[in-house]
Amino acid sequence: MSHNKTDQLIAEARRYKEEREKGYREQALKLYPWVCGRCAREFTHKNLSELTVHHRDHNHDNNPQDGSNWELLCLYCHDNEHQRFEEFVRYGGSSSDNKSSSGTFNPFADLKNMMKQ
């Protein structure tokens, strides 16, 4: 392989990496802790492929840079969220039937009480 061809391949690989890092998954993984927003399962590099980015409004084209339309969910919780949404669309329901699609896990929810102890 010629030196020029190798340089070209390396440059292409770097461009690909930069484009991929601009993607919403990479941005979300940098913004948020690697914890499922529903079941609170924690992730490491070893199992990170099982952590997905969920679009809160279900619009995959809505990707604000601040991550306000994303939440990290494990594969199982993500599937469950989409199933709930499909059922809501198909069968309808009142606003009280459809819980907020925001994450429910808050690691600091009881921090004030824990600090008192």
PDB file of N, CA and C in Angstrom:
ATOM      1  N   MET A   1       0.861  -1.173   0.000  1.00  0.00           N
ATOM      2  CA  MET A   1       0.000   0.000   0.000  1.00  0.00           C
ATOM      3  C   MET A   1       0.904   1.231   0.000  1.00  0.00           C
ATOM      4  N   SER A   2       0.594   2.168  -0.837  1.00  0.00           N
ATOM      5  CA  SER A   2       1.441   3.357  -0.949  1.00  0.00           C
ATOM      6  C   SER A   2       1.232   4.285   0.251  1.00  0.00           C
ATOM      7  N   HIS A   3       2.243   5.133   0.456  1.00  0.00           N
ATOM      8  CA  HIS A   3       2.209   6.086   1.573  1.00  0.00           C
ATOM      9  C   HIS A   3       1.023   7.039   1.419  1.00  0.00           C
ATOM     10  N   ASN A   4       0.749   7.476   0.217  1.00  0.00           N
ATOM     11  CA  ASN A   4      -0.360   8.393  -0.052  1.00  0.00           C
ATOM     12  C   ASN A   4      -1.709   7.734   0.259  1.00  0.00           C
ATOM     13  N   LYS A   5      -1.849   6.468  -0.108  1.00  0.00           N
ATOM     14  CA  LYS A   5      -3.089   5.734   0.150  1.00  0.00           C
ATOM     15  C   LYS A   5      -3.313   5.567   1.658  1.00  0.00           C
ATOM     16  N   THR A   6      -2.250   5.297   2.400  1.00  0.00           N
ATOM     17  CA  THR A   6      -2.340   5.157   3.854  1.00  0.00           C
ATOM     18  C   THR A   6      -2.759   6.470   4.497  1.00  0.00           C
ATOM     19  N   ASP A   7      -2.153   7.570   4.078  1.00  0.00           N
ATOM     20  CA  ASP A   7      -2.527   8.884   4.606  1.00  0.00           C
ATOM     21  C   ASP A   7      -3.990   9.188   4.318  1.00  0.00           C
ATOM     22  N   GLN A   8      -4.432   8.812   3.139  1.00  0.00           N
ATOM     23  CA  GLN A   8      -5.822   9.050   2.746  1.00  0.00           C
ATOM     24  C   GLN A   8      -6.777   8.240   3.637  1.00  0.00           C
ATOM     25  N   LEU A   9      -6.432   6.981   3.907  1.00  0.00           N
ATOM     26  CA  LEU A   9      -7.266   6.147   4.777  1.00  0.00           C
ATOM     27  C   LEU A   9      -7.315   6.681   6.203  1.00  0.00           C
ATOM     28  N   ILE A  10      -6.185   7.144   6.708  1.00  0.00           N
ATOM     29  CA  ILE A  10      -6.134   7.695   8.064  1.00  0.00           C
ATOM     30  C   ILE A  10      -6.974   8.968   8.151  1.00  0.00           C
ATOM     31  N   ALA A  11      -6.867   9.825   7.160  1.00  0.00           N
ATOM     32  CA  ALA A  11      -7.651  11.057   7.143  1.00  0.00           C
ATOM     33  C   ALA A  11      -9.144  10.749   7.071  1.00  0.00           C
ATOM     34  N   GLU A  12      -9.511   9.763   6.277  1.00  0.00           N
ATOM     35  CA  GLU A  12     -10.921   9.369   6.160  1.00  0.00           C
ATOM     36  C   GLU A  12     -11.435   8.804   7.488  1.00  0.00           C
ATOM     37  N   ALA A  13     -10.619   7.998   8.151  1.00  0.00           N
ATOM     38  CA  ALA A  13     -11.010   7.442   9.446  1.00  0.00           C
ATOM     39  C   ALA A  13     -11.197   8.545  10.484  1.00  0.00           C
ATOM     40  N   ARG A  14     -10.329   9.535  10.465  1.00  0.00           N
ATOM     41  CA  ARG A  14     -10.464  10.659  11.410  1.00  0.00           C
ATOM     42  C   ARG A  14     -11.731  11.463  11.136  1.00  0.00           C
ATOM     43  N   ARG A  15     -12.029  11.705   9.862  1.00  0.00           N
ATOM     44  CA  ARG A  15     -13.259  12.430   9.496  1.00  0.00           C
ATOM     45  C   ARG A  15     -14.490  11.656   9.948  1.00  0.00           C
ATOM     46  N   TYR A  16     -14.475  10.350   9.731  1.00  0.00           N
ATOM     47  CA  TYR A  16     -15.588   9.506  10.140  1.00  0.00           C
ATOM     48  C   TYR A  16     -15.792   9.586  11.657  1.00  0.00           C
ATOM     49  N   LYS A  17     -14.696   9.507  12.408  1.00  0.00           N
ATOM     50  CA  LYS A  17     -14.770   9.587  13.868  1.00  0.00           C
ATOM     51  C   LYS A  17     -15.347  10.935  14.312  1.00  0.00           C
ATOM     52  N   GLU A  18     -14.906  12.022  13.701  1.00  0.00           N
ATOM     53  CA  GLU A  18     -15.412  13.348  14.052  1.00  0.00           C
ATOM     54  C   GLU A  18     -16.899  13.468  13.755  1.00  0.00           C
ATOM     55  N   GLU A  19     -17.324  12.941  12.617  1.00  0.00           N
ATOM     56  CA  GLU A  19     -18.752  12.983  12.268  1.00  0.00           C
ATOM     57  C   GLU A  19     -19.578  12.157  13.247  1.00  0.00           C
ATOM     58  N   ARG A  20     -19.074  10.982  13.587  1.00  0.00           N
ATOM     59  CA  ARG A  20     -19.783  10.110  14.509  1.00  0.00           C
ATOM     60  C   ARG A  20     -19.911  10.759  15.876  1.00  0.00           C
ATOM     61  N   GLU A  21     -18.852  11.433  16.325  1.00  0.00           N
ATOM     62  CA  GLU A  21     -18.898  12.079  17.633  1.00  0.00           C
ATOM     63  C   GLU A  21     -19.870  13.250  17.656  1.00  0.00           C
ATOM     64  N   LYS A  22     -20.203  13.777  16.504  1.00  0.00           N
ATOM     65  CA  LYS A  22     -21.204  14.837  16.443  1.00  0.00           C
ATOM     66  C   LYS A  22     -22.606  14.260  16.577  1.00  0.00           C
ATOM     67  N   GLY A  23     -22.733  12.954  16.403  1.00  0.00           N
ATOM     68  CA  GLY A  23     -24.026  12.291  16.496  1.00  0.00           C
ATOM     69  C   GLY A  23     -24.619  12.417  17.880  1.00  0.00           C
ATOM     70  N   TYR A  24     -25.927  12.289  17.952  1.00  0.00           N
ATOM     71  CA  TYR A  24     -26.599  12.507  19.229  1.00  0.00           C
ATOM     72  C   TYR A  24     -26.243  11.459  20.277  1.00  0.00           C
ATOM     73  N   ARG A  25     -25.957  10.246  19.880  1.00  0.00           N
ATOM     74  CA  ARG A  25     -25.598   9.240  20.890  1.00  0.00           C
ATOM     75  C   ARG A  25     -24.313   9.639  21.614  1.00  0.00           C
ATOM     76  N   GLU A  26     -23.297   9.990  20.858  1.00  0.00           N
ATOM     77  CA  GLU A  26     -22.032  10.363  21.467  1.00  0.00           C
ATOM     78  C   GLU A  26     -22.183  11.611  22.331  1.00  0.00           C
ATOM     79  N   GLN A  27     -22.979  12.564  21.876  1.00  0.00           N
ATOM     80  CA  GLN A  27     -23.212  13.776  22.663  1.00  0.00           C
ATOM     81  C   GLN A  27     -23.929  13.440  23.971  1.00  0.00           C
ATOM     82  N   ALA A  28     -24.949  12.596  23.874  1.00  0.00           N
ATOM     83  CA  ALA A  28     -25.711  12.228  25.072  1.00  0.00           C
ATOM     84  C   ALA A  28     -24.838  11.477  26.070  1.00  0.00           C
ATOM     85  N   LEU A  29     -23.958  10.614  25.568  1.00  0.00           N
ATOM     86  CA  LEU A  29     -23.080   9.861  26.469  1.00  0.00           C
ATOM     87  C   LEU A  29     -22.067  10.765  27.164  1.00  0.00           C
ATOM     88  N   LYS A  30     -21.767  11.898  26.546  1.00  0.00           N
ATOM     89  CA  LYS A  30     -20.862  12.859  27.181  1.00  0.00           C
ATOM     90  C   LYS A  30     -21.614  13.739  28.184  1.00  0.00           C
ATOM     91  N   LEU A  31     -22.883  14.013  27.915  1.00  0.00           N
ATOM     92  CA  LEU A  31     -23.673  14.900  28.768  1.00  0.00           C
ATOM     93  C   LEU A  31     -24.188  14.238  30.044  1.00  0.00           C
ATOM     94  N   TYR A  32     -24.607  12.987  29.914  1.00  0.00           N
ATOM     95  CA  TYR A  32     -25.316  12.335  31.007  1.00  0.00           C
ATOM     96  C   TYR A  32     -24.498  11.207  31.623  1.00  0.00           C
ATOM     97  N   PRO A  33     -24.740  10.917  32.906  1.00  0.00           N
ATOM     98  CA  PRO A  33     -24.089   9.745  33.508  1.00  0.00           C
ATOM     99  C   PRO A  33     -24.610   8.474  32.844  1.00  0.00           C
ATOM    100  N   TRP A  34     -23.807   7.446  32.818  1.00  0.00           N
ATOM    101  CA  TRP A  34     -24.164   6.199  32.153  1.00  0.00           C
ATOM    102  C   TRP A  34     -25.059   5.350  33.051  1.00  0.00           C
ATOM    103  N   VAL A  35     -26.272   5.845  33.262  1.00  0.00           N
ATOM    104  CA  VAL A  35     -27.259   5.214  34.119  1.00  0.00           C
ATOM    105  C   VAL A  35     -28.599   5.260  33.388  1.00  0.00           C
ATOM    106  N   CYS A  36     -29.344   4.152  33.415  1.00  0.00           N
ATOM    107  CA  CYS A  36     -30.674   4.140  32.800  1.00  0.00           C
ATOM    108  C   CYS A  36     -31.581   5.085  33.580  1.00  0.00           C
ATOM    109  N   GLY A  37     -32.272   5.955  32.866  1.00  0.00           N
ATOM    110  CA  GLY A  37     -33.158   6.929  33.480  1.00  0.00           C
ATOM    111  C   GLY A  37     -34.415   6.333  34.079  1.00  0.00           C
ATOM    112  N   ARG A  38     -34.669   5.055  33.867  1.00  0.00           N
ATOM    113  CA  ARG A  38     -35.858   4.415  34.417  1.00  0.00           C
ATOM    114  C   ARG A  38     -35.518   3.425  35.525  1.00  0.00           C
ATOM    115  N   CYS A  39     -34.672   2.460  35.232  1.00  0.00           N
ATOM    116  CA  CYS A  39     -34.404   1.399  36.218  1.00  0.00           C
ATOM    117  C   CYS A  39     -33.135   1.644  37.020  1.00  0.00           C
ATOM    118  N   ALA A  40     -32.382   2.671  36.683  1.00  0.00           N
ATOM    119  CA  ALA A  40     -31.169   3.089  37.394  1.00  0.00           C
ATOM    120  C   ALA A  40     -30.006   2.100  37.242  1.00  0.00           C
ATOM    121  N   ARG A  41     -30.071   1.216  36.264  1.00  0.00           N
ATOM    122  CA  ARG A  41     -28.953   0.305  36.005  1.00  0.00           C
ATOM    123  C   ARG A  41     -27.749   1.118  35.547  1.00  0.00           C
ATOM    124  N   GLU A  42     -26.585   0.808  36.077  1.00  0.00           N
ATOM    125  CA  GLU A  42     -25.368   1.528  35.729  1.00  0.00           C
ATOM    126  C   GLU A  42     -24.610   0.786  34.634  1.00  0.00           C
ATOM    127  N   PHE A  43     -23.906   1.549  33.799  1.00  0.00           N
ATOM    128  CA  PHE A  43     -23.202   0.991  32.656  1.00  0.00           C
ATOM    129  C   PHE A  43     -21.728   1.363  32.689  1.00  0.00           C
ATOM    130  N   THR A  44     -20.919   0.498  32.077  1.00  0.00           N
ATOM    131  CA  THR A  44     -19.490   0.724  31.937  1.00  0.00           C
ATOM    132  C   THR A  44     -19.152   0.607  30.451  1.00  0.00           C
ATOM    133  N   HIS A  45     -17.888   0.791  30.110  1.00  0.00           N
ATOM    134  CA  HIS A  45     -17.481   0.626  28.718  1.00  0.00           C
ATOM    135  C   HIS A  45     -17.818  -0.779  28.214  1.00  0.00           C
ATOM    136  N   LYS A  46     -17.775  -1.754  29.102  1.00  0.00           N
ATOM    137  CA  LYS A  46     -18.000  -3.152  28.709  1.00  0.00           C
ATOM    138  C   LYS A  46     -19.419  -3.398  28.198  1.00  0.00           C
ATOM    139  N   ASN A  47     -20.421  -2.781  28.819  1.00  0.00           N
ATOM    140  CA  ASN A  47     -21.809  -3.023  28.427  1.00  0.00           C
ATOM    141  C   ASN A  47     -22.505  -1.762  27.892  1.00  0.00           C
ATOM    142  N   LEU A  48     -21.733  -0.782  27.498  1.00  0.00           N
ATOM    143  CA  LEU A  48     -22.301   0.502  27.051  1.00  0.00           C
ATOM    144  C   LEU A  48     -23.202   0.359  25.821  1.00  0.00           C
ATOM    145  N   SER A  49     -22.976  -0.674  25.029  1.00  0.00           N
ATOM    146  CA  SER A  49     -23.818  -0.877  23.847  1.00  0.00           C
ATOM    147  C   SER A  49     -25.275  -1.160  24.220  1.00  0.00           C
ATOM    148  N   GLU A  50     -25.524  -1.533  25.476  1.00  0.00           N
ATOM    149  CA  GLU A  50     -26.879  -1.805  25.942  1.00  0.00           C
ATOM    150  C   GLU A  50     -27.588  -0.554  26.462  1.00  0.00           C
ATOM    151  N   LEU A  51     -26.906   0.581  26.432  1.00  0.00           N
ATOM    152  CA  LEU A  51     -27.495   1.846  26.858  1.00  0.00           C
ATOM    153  C   LEU A  51     -27.852   2.648  25.609  1.00  0.00           C
ATOM    154  N   THR A  52     -29.101   3.031  25.486  1.00  0.00           N
ATOM    155  CA  THR A  52     -29.580   3.706  24.279  1.00  0.00           C
ATOM    156  C   THR A  52     -29.994   5.140  24.588  1.00  0.00           C
ATOM    157  N   VAL A  53     -30.134   5.928  23.536  1.00  0.00           N
ATOM    158  CA  VAL A  53     -30.612   7.304  23.673  1.00  0.00           C
ATOM    159  C   VAL A  53     -32.079   7.326  23.242  1.00  0.00           C
ATOM    160  N   HIS A  54     -32.928   7.731  24.151  1.00  0.00           N
ATOM    161  CA  HIS A  54     -34.355   7.855  23.869  1.00  0.00           C
ATOM    162  C   HIS A  54     -34.682   9.321  23.592  1.00  0.00           C
ATOM    163  N   HIS A  55     -35.454   9.570  22.543  1.00  0.00           N
ATOM    164  CA  HIS A  55     -35.945  10.921  22.243  1.00  0.00           C
ATOM    165  C   HIS A  55     -37.261  11.113  22.981  1.00  0.00           C
ATOM    166  N   ARG A  56     -37.277  12.014  23.916  1.00  0.00           N
ATOM    167  CA  ARG A  56     -38.448  12.227  24.766  1.00  0.00           C
ATOM    168  C   ARG A  56     -39.711  12.528  23.962  1.00  0.00           C
ATOM    169  N   ASP A  57     -39.567  13.288  22.874  1.00  0.00           N
ATOM    170  CA  ASP A  57     -40.741  13.614  22.066  1.00  0.00           C
ATOM    171  C   ASP A  57     -40.938  12.623  20.919  1.00  0.00           C
ATOM    172  N   HIS A  58     -40.156  11.562  20.890  1.00  0.00           N
ATOM    173  CA  HIS A  58     -40.219  10.506  19.881  1.00  0.00           C
ATOM    174  C   HIS A  58     -39.886  10.993  18.475  1.00  0.00           C
ATOM    175  N   ASN A  59     -39.263  12.151  18.363  1.00  0.00           N
ATOM    176  CA  ASN A  59     -38.851  12.713  17.071  1.00  0.00           C
ATOM    177  C   ASN A  59     -37.334  12.603  16.965  1.00  0.00           C
ATOM    178  N   HIS A  60     -36.854  11.669  16.176  1.00  0.00           N
ATOM    179  CA  HIS A  60     -35.415  11.430  16.070  1.00  0.00           C
ATOM    180  C   HIS A  60     -34.680  12.536  15.321  1.00  0.00           C
ATOM    181  N   ASP A  61     -35.406  13.454  14.726  1.00  0.00           N
ATOM    182  CA  ASP A  61     -34.776  14.601  14.068  1.00  0.00           C
ATOM    183  C   ASP A  61     -34.626  15.792  15.003  1.00  0.00           C
ATOM    184  N   ASN A  62     -35.221  15.722  16.189  1.00  0.00           N
ATOM    185  CA  ASN A  62     -35.147  16.806  17.165  1.00  0.00           C
ATOM    186  C   ASN A  62     -33.982  16.521  18.112  1.00  0.00           C
ATOM    187  N   ASN A  63     -32.824  17.091  17.798  1.00  0.00           N
ATOM    188  CA  ASN A  63     -31.602  16.829  18.556  1.00  0.00           C
ATOM    189  C   ASN A  63     -30.931  18.119  19.008  1.00  0.00           C
ATOM    190  N   PRO A  64     -31.536  18.840  19.971  1.00  0.00           N
ATOM    191  CA  PRO A  64     -30.902  20.069  20.458  1.00  0.00           C
ATOM    192  C   PRO A  64     -29.562  19.755  21.115  1.00  0.00           C
ATOM    193  N   GLN A  65     -28.616  20.650  20.945  1.00  0.00           N
ATOM    194  CA  GLN A  65     -27.265  20.450  21.458  1.00  0.00           C
ATOM    195  C   GLN A  65     -27.207  20.306  22.978  1.00  0.00           C
ATOM    196  N   ASP A  66     -28.199  20.867  23.684  1.00  0.00           N
ATOM    197  CA  ASP A  66     -28.181  20.769  25.148  1.00  0.00           C
ATOM    198  C   ASP A  66     -28.705  19.432  25.660  1.00  0.00           C
ATOM    199  N   GLY A  67     -29.164  18.570  24.757  1.00  0.00           N
ATOM    200  CA  GLY A  67     -29.629  17.242  25.150  1.00  0.00           C
ATOM    201  C   GLY A  67     -30.991  17.213  25.800  1.00  0.00           C
ATOM    202  N   SER A  68     -31.734  18.294  25.715  1.00  0.00           N
ATOM    203  CA  SER A  68     -33.017  18.379  26.410  1.00  0.00           C
ATOM    204  C   SER A  68     -34.079  17.424  25.866  1.00  0.00           C
ATOM    205  N   ASN A  69     -33.868  16.856  24.690  1.00  0.00           N
ATOM    206  CA  ASN A  69     -34.832  15.905  24.145  1.00  0.00           C
ATOM    207  C   ASN A  69     -34.358  14.461  24.291  1.00  0.00           C
ATOM    208  N   TRP A  70     -33.282  14.245  25.017  1.00  0.00           N
ATOM    209  CA  TRP A  70     -32.721  12.906  25.152  1.00  0.00           C
ATOM    210  C   TRP A  70     -32.765  12.433  26.588  1.00  0.00           C
ATOM    211  N   GLU A  71     -32.827  11.131  26.731  1.00  0.00           N
ATOM    212  CA  GLU A  71     -32.546  10.494  28.008  1.00  0.00           C
ATOM    213  C   GLU A  71     -31.936   9.141  27.703  1.00  0.00           C
ATOM    214  N   LEU A  72     -31.049   8.721  28.560  1.00  0.00           N
ATOM    215  CA  LEU A  72     -30.403   7.429  28.384  1.00  0.00           C
ATOM    216  C   LEU A  72     -31.255   6.358  29.039  1.00  0.00           C
ATOM    217  N   LEU A  73     -31.570   5.312  28.266  1.00  0.00           N
ATOM    218  CA  LEU A  73     -32.363   4.193  28.761  1.00  0.00           C
ATOM    219  C   LEU A  73     -31.695   2.889  28.349  1.00  0.00           C
ATOM    220  N   CYS A  74     -31.781   1.882  29.209  1.00  0.00           N
ATOM    221  CA  CYS A  74     -31.271   0.564  28.829  1.00  0.00           C
ATOM    222  C   CYS A  74     -32.177   0.009  27.726  1.00  0.00           C
ATOM    223  N   LEU A  75     -31.715  -1.017  27.065  1.00  0.00           N
ATOM    224  CA  LEU A  75     -32.490  -1.611  25.972  1.00  0.00           C
ATOM    225  C   LEU A  75     -33.906  -1.969  26.391  1.00  0.00           C
ATOM    226  N   TYR A  76     -34.044  -2.540  27.584  1.00  0.00           N
ATOM    227  CA  TYR A  76     -35.343  -3.019  28.047  1.00  0.00           C
ATOM    228  C   TYR A  76     -36.307  -1.862  28.344  1.00  0.00           C
ATOM    229  N   CYS A  77     -35.817  -0.858  29.043  1.00  0.00           N
ATOM    230  CA  CYS A  77     -36.663   0.296  29.352  1.00  0.00           C
ATOM    231  C   CYS A  77     -37.003   1.077  28.083  1.00  0.00           C
ATOM    232  N   HIS A  78     -36.063   1.142  27.143  1.00  0.00           N
ATOM    233  CA  HIS A  78     -36.309   1.843  25.886  1.00  0.00           C
ATOM    234  C   HIS A  78     -37.409   1.134  25.093  1.00  0.00           C
ATOM    235  N   ASP A  79     -37.321  -0.189  25.007  1.00  0.00           N
ATOM    236  CA  ASP A  79     -38.370  -0.955  24.325  1.00  0.00           C
ATOM    237  C   ASP A  79     -39.715  -0.744  25.005  1.00  0.00           C
ATOM    238  N   ASN A  80     -39.721  -0.760  26.343  1.00  0.00           N
ATOM    239  CA  ASN A  80     -40.954  -0.558  27.085  1.00  0.00           C
ATOM    240  C   ASN A  80     -41.548   0.818  26.823  1.00  0.00           C
ATOM    241  N   GLU A  81     -40.694   1.842  26.774  1.00  0.00           N
ATOM    242  CA  GLU A  81     -41.176   3.207  26.522  1.00  0.00           C
ATOM    243  C   GLU A  81     -41.825   3.307  25.142  1.00  0.00           C
ATOM    244  N   HIS A  82     -41.193   2.705  24.148  1.00  0.00           N
ATOM    245  CA  HIS A  82     -41.771   2.764  22.800  1.00  0.00           C
ATOM    246  C   HIS A  82     -43.056   1.954  22.710  1.00  0.00           C
ATOM    247  N   GLN A  83     -43.126   0.838  23.417  1.00  0.00           N
ATOM    248  CA  GLN A  83     -44.357   0.051  23.437  1.00  0.00           C
ATOM    249  C   GLN A  83     -45.489   0.852  24.083  1.00  0.00           C
ATOM    250  N   ARG A  84     -45.187   1.529  25.193  1.00  0.00           N
ATOM    251  CA  ARG A  84     -46.196   2.366  25.861  1.00  0.00           C
ATOM    252  C   ARG A  84     -46.667   3.478  24.933  1.00  0.00           C
ATOM    253  N   PHE A  85     -45.732   4.083  24.204  1.00  0.00           N
ATOM    254  CA  PHE A  85     -46.090   5.167  23.301  1.00  0.00           C
ATOM    255  C   PHE A  85     -46.955   4.652  22.152  1.00  0.00           C
ATOM    256  N   GLU A  86     -46.596   3.498  21.593  1.00  0.00           N
ATOM    257  CA  GLU A  86     -47.404   2.919  20.510  1.00  0.00           C
ATOM    258  C   GLU A  86     -48.814   2.616  20.987  1.00  0.00           C
ATOM    259  N   GLU A  87     -48.939   2.072  22.189  1.00  0.00           N
ATOM    260  CA  GLU A  87     -50.262   1.796  22.742  1.00  0.00           C
ATOM    261  C   GLU A  87     -51.043   3.074  22.975  1.00  0.00           C
ATOM    262  N   PHE A  88     -50.370   4.111  23.429  1.00  0.00           N
ATOM    263  CA  PHE A  88     -51.036   5.394  23.637  1.00  0.00           C
ATOM    264  C   PHE A  88     -51.547   5.953  22.312  1.00  0.00           C
ATOM    265  N   VAL A  89     -50.718   5.883  21.283  1.00  0.00           N
ATOM    266  CA  VAL A  89     -51.127   6.378  19.959  1.00  0.00           C
ATOM    267  C   VAL A  89     -52.274   5.538  19.407  1.00  0.00           C
ATOM    268  N   ARG A  90     -52.165   4.226  19.541  1.00  0.00           N
ATOM    269  CA  ARG A  90     -53.174   3.327  18.990  1.00  0.00           C
ATOM    270  C   ARG A  90     -54.502   3.409  19.730  1.00  0.00           C
ATOM    271  N   TYR A  91     -54.451   3.409  21.058  1.00  0.00           N
ATOM    272  CA  TYR A  91     -55.676   3.311  21.849  1.00  0.00           C
ATOM    273  C   TYR A  91     -56.069   4.602  22.535  1.00  0.00           C
ATOM    274  N   GLY A  92     -55.198   5.584  22.495  1.00  0.00           N
ATOM    275  CA  GLY A  92     -55.508   6.863  23.126  1.00  0.00           C
ATOM    276  C   GLY A  92     -55.429   6.771  24.630  1.00  0.00           C
ATOM    277  N   GLY A  93     -55.822   7.827  25.249  1.00  0.00           N
ATOM    278  CA  GLY A  93     -55.803   7.865  26.705  1.00  0.00           C
ATOM    279  C   GLY A  93     -55.776   9.306  27.157  1.00  0.00           C
ATOM    280  N   SER A  94     -56.078   9.492  28.416  1.00  0.00           N
ATOM    281  CA  SER A  94     -56.053  10.840  28.958  1.00  0.00           C
ATOM    282  C   SER A  94     -54.635  11.168  29.378  1.00  0.00           C
ATOM    283  N   SER A  95     -54.385  12.420  29.678  1.00  0.00           N
ATOM    284  CA  SER A  95     -53.048  12.823  30.110  1.00  0.00           C
ATOM    285  C   SER A  95     -52.651  12.137  31.406  1.00  0.00           C
ATOM    286  N   SER A  96     -53.646  11.754  32.226  1.00  0.00           N
ATOM    287  CA  SER A  96     -53.316  11.049  33.460  1.00  0.00           C
ATOM    288  C   SER A  96     -52.899   9.607  33.181  1.00  0.00           C
ATOM    289  N   ASP A  97     -53.357   9.045  32.043  1.00  0.00           N
ATOM    290  CA  ASP A  97     -52.957   7.688  31.679  1.00  0.00           C
ATOM    291  C   ASP A  97     -51.534   7.644  31.165  1.00  0.00           C
ATOM    292  N   ASN A  98     -51.101   8.713  30.513  1.00  0.00           N
ATOM    293  CA  ASN A  98     -49.776   8.741  29.902  1.00  0.00           C
ATOM    294  C   ASN A  98     -48.818   9.472  30.818  1.00  0.00           C
ATOM    295  N   LYS A  99     -48.000   8.724  31.539  1.00  0.00           N
ATOM    296  CA  LYS A  99     -47.036   9.341  32.442  1.00  0.00           C
ATOM    297  C   LYS A  99     -46.008  10.101  31.630  1.00  0.00           C
ATOM    298  N   SER A 100     -45.393  11.050  32.246  1.00  0.00           N
ATOM    299  CA  SER A 100     -44.345  11.836  31.602  1.00  0.00           C
ATOM    300  C   SER A 100     -43.258  10.916  31.089  1.00  0.00           C
ATOM    301  N   SER A 101     -42.690  11.243  29.935  1.00  0.00           N
ATOM    302  CA  SER A 101     -41.648  10.399  29.371  1.00  0.00           C
ATOM    303  C   SER A 101     -40.267  10.788  29.882  1.00  0.00           C
ATOM    304  N   SER A 102     -40.209  11.654  30.878  1.00  0.00           N
ATOM    305  CA  SER A 102     -38.912  12.011  31.427  1.00  0.00           C
ATOM    306  C   SER A 102     -38.433  10.914  32.372  1.00  0.00           C
ATOM    307  N   GLY A 103     -37.150  10.897  32.623  1.00  0.00           N
ATOM    308  CA  GLY A 103     -36.577   9.891  33.505  1.00  0.00           C
ATOM    309  C   GLY A 103     -37.128  10.011  34.911  1.00  0.00           C
ATOM    310  N   THR A 104     -37.187   8.895  35.591  1.00  0.00           N
ATOM    311  CA  THR A 104     -37.737   8.887  36.941  1.00  0.00           C
ATOM    312  C   THR A 104     -36.668   8.727  37.999  1.00  0.00           C
ATOM    313  N   PHE A 105     -35.485   8.334  37.637  1.00  0.00           N
ATOM    314  CA  PHE A 105     -34.419   8.104  38.609  1.00  0.00           C
ATOM    315  C   PHE A 105     -33.772   9.414  38.994  1.00  0.00           C
ATOM    316  N   ASN A 106     -33.707   9.683  40.293  1.00  0.00           N
ATOM    317  CA  ASN A 106     -33.033  10.869  40.800  1.00  0.00           C
ATOM    318  C   ASN A 106     -32.167  10.431  41.964  1.00  0.00           C
ATOM    319  N   PRO A 107     -30.849  10.305  41.755  1.00  0.00           N
ATOM    320  CA  PRO A 107     -29.992   9.795  42.816  1.00  0.00           C
ATOM    321  C   PRO A 107     -29.908  10.706  44.036  1.00  0.00           C
ATOM    322  N   PHE A 108     -30.321  11.957  43.901  1.00  0.00           N
ATOM    323  CA  PHE A 108     -30.233  12.908  44.997  1.00  0.00           C
ATOM    324  C   PHE A 108     -31.594  13.229  45.606  1.00  0.00           C
ATOM    325  N   ALA A 109     -32.602  12.435  45.305  1.00  0.00           N
ATOM    326  CA  ALA A 109     -33.953  12.729  45.734  1.00  0.00           C
ATOM    327  C   ALA A 109     -34.080  12.848  47.251  1.00  0.00           C
ATOM    328  N   ASP A 110     -33.400  12.003  47.987  1.00  0.00           N
ATOM    329  CA  ASP A 110     -33.524  12.000  49.446  1.00  0.00           C
ATOM    330  C   ASP A 110     -32.229  12.462  50.121  1.00  0.00           C
ATOM    331  N   LEU A 111     -31.442  13.242  49.420  1.00  0.00           N
ATOM    332  CA  LEU A 111     -30.143  13.655  49.927  1.00  0.00           C
ATOM    333  C   LEU A 111     -30.246  14.475  51.214  1.00  0.00           C
ATOM    334  N   LYS A 112     -31.209  15.364  51.290  1.00  0.00           N
ATOM    335  CA  LYS A 112     -31.359  16.200  52.474  1.00  0.00           C
ATOM    336  C   LYS A 112     -31.582  15.351  53.726  1.00  0.00           C
ATOM    337  N   ASN A 113     -32.447  14.358  53.618  1.00  0.00           N
ATOM    338  CA  ASN A 113     -32.702  13.479  54.765  1.00  0.00           C
ATOM    339  C   ASN A 113     -31.490  12.620  55.100  1.00  0.00           C
ATOM    340  N   MET A 114     -30.774  12.156  54.076  1.00  0.00           N
ATOM    341  CA  MET A 114     -29.578  11.348  54.313  1.00  0.00           C
ATOM    342  C   MET A 114     -28.494  12.174  55.003  1.00  0.00           C
ATOM    343  N   MET A 115     -28.388  13.437  54.666  1.00  0.00           N
ATOM    344  CA  MET A 115     -27.376  14.301  55.269  1.00  0.00           C
ATOM    345  C   MET A 115     -27.677  14.575  56.740  1.00  0.00           C
ATOM    346  N   LYS A 116     -28.958  14.535  57.116  1.00  0.00           N
ATOM    347  CA  LYS A 116     -29.348  14.775  58.506  1.00  0.00           C
ATOM    348  C   LYS A 116     -28.931  13.621  59.416  1.00  0.00           C
ATOM    349  N   GLN A 117     -28.809  12.419  58.829  1.00  0.00           N
ATOM    350  CA  GLN A 117     -28.515  11.216  59.643  1.00  0.00           C
ATOM    351  C   GLN A 117     -27.097  11.136  60.011  1.00  0.00           C
TER     352      GLN A 117
END
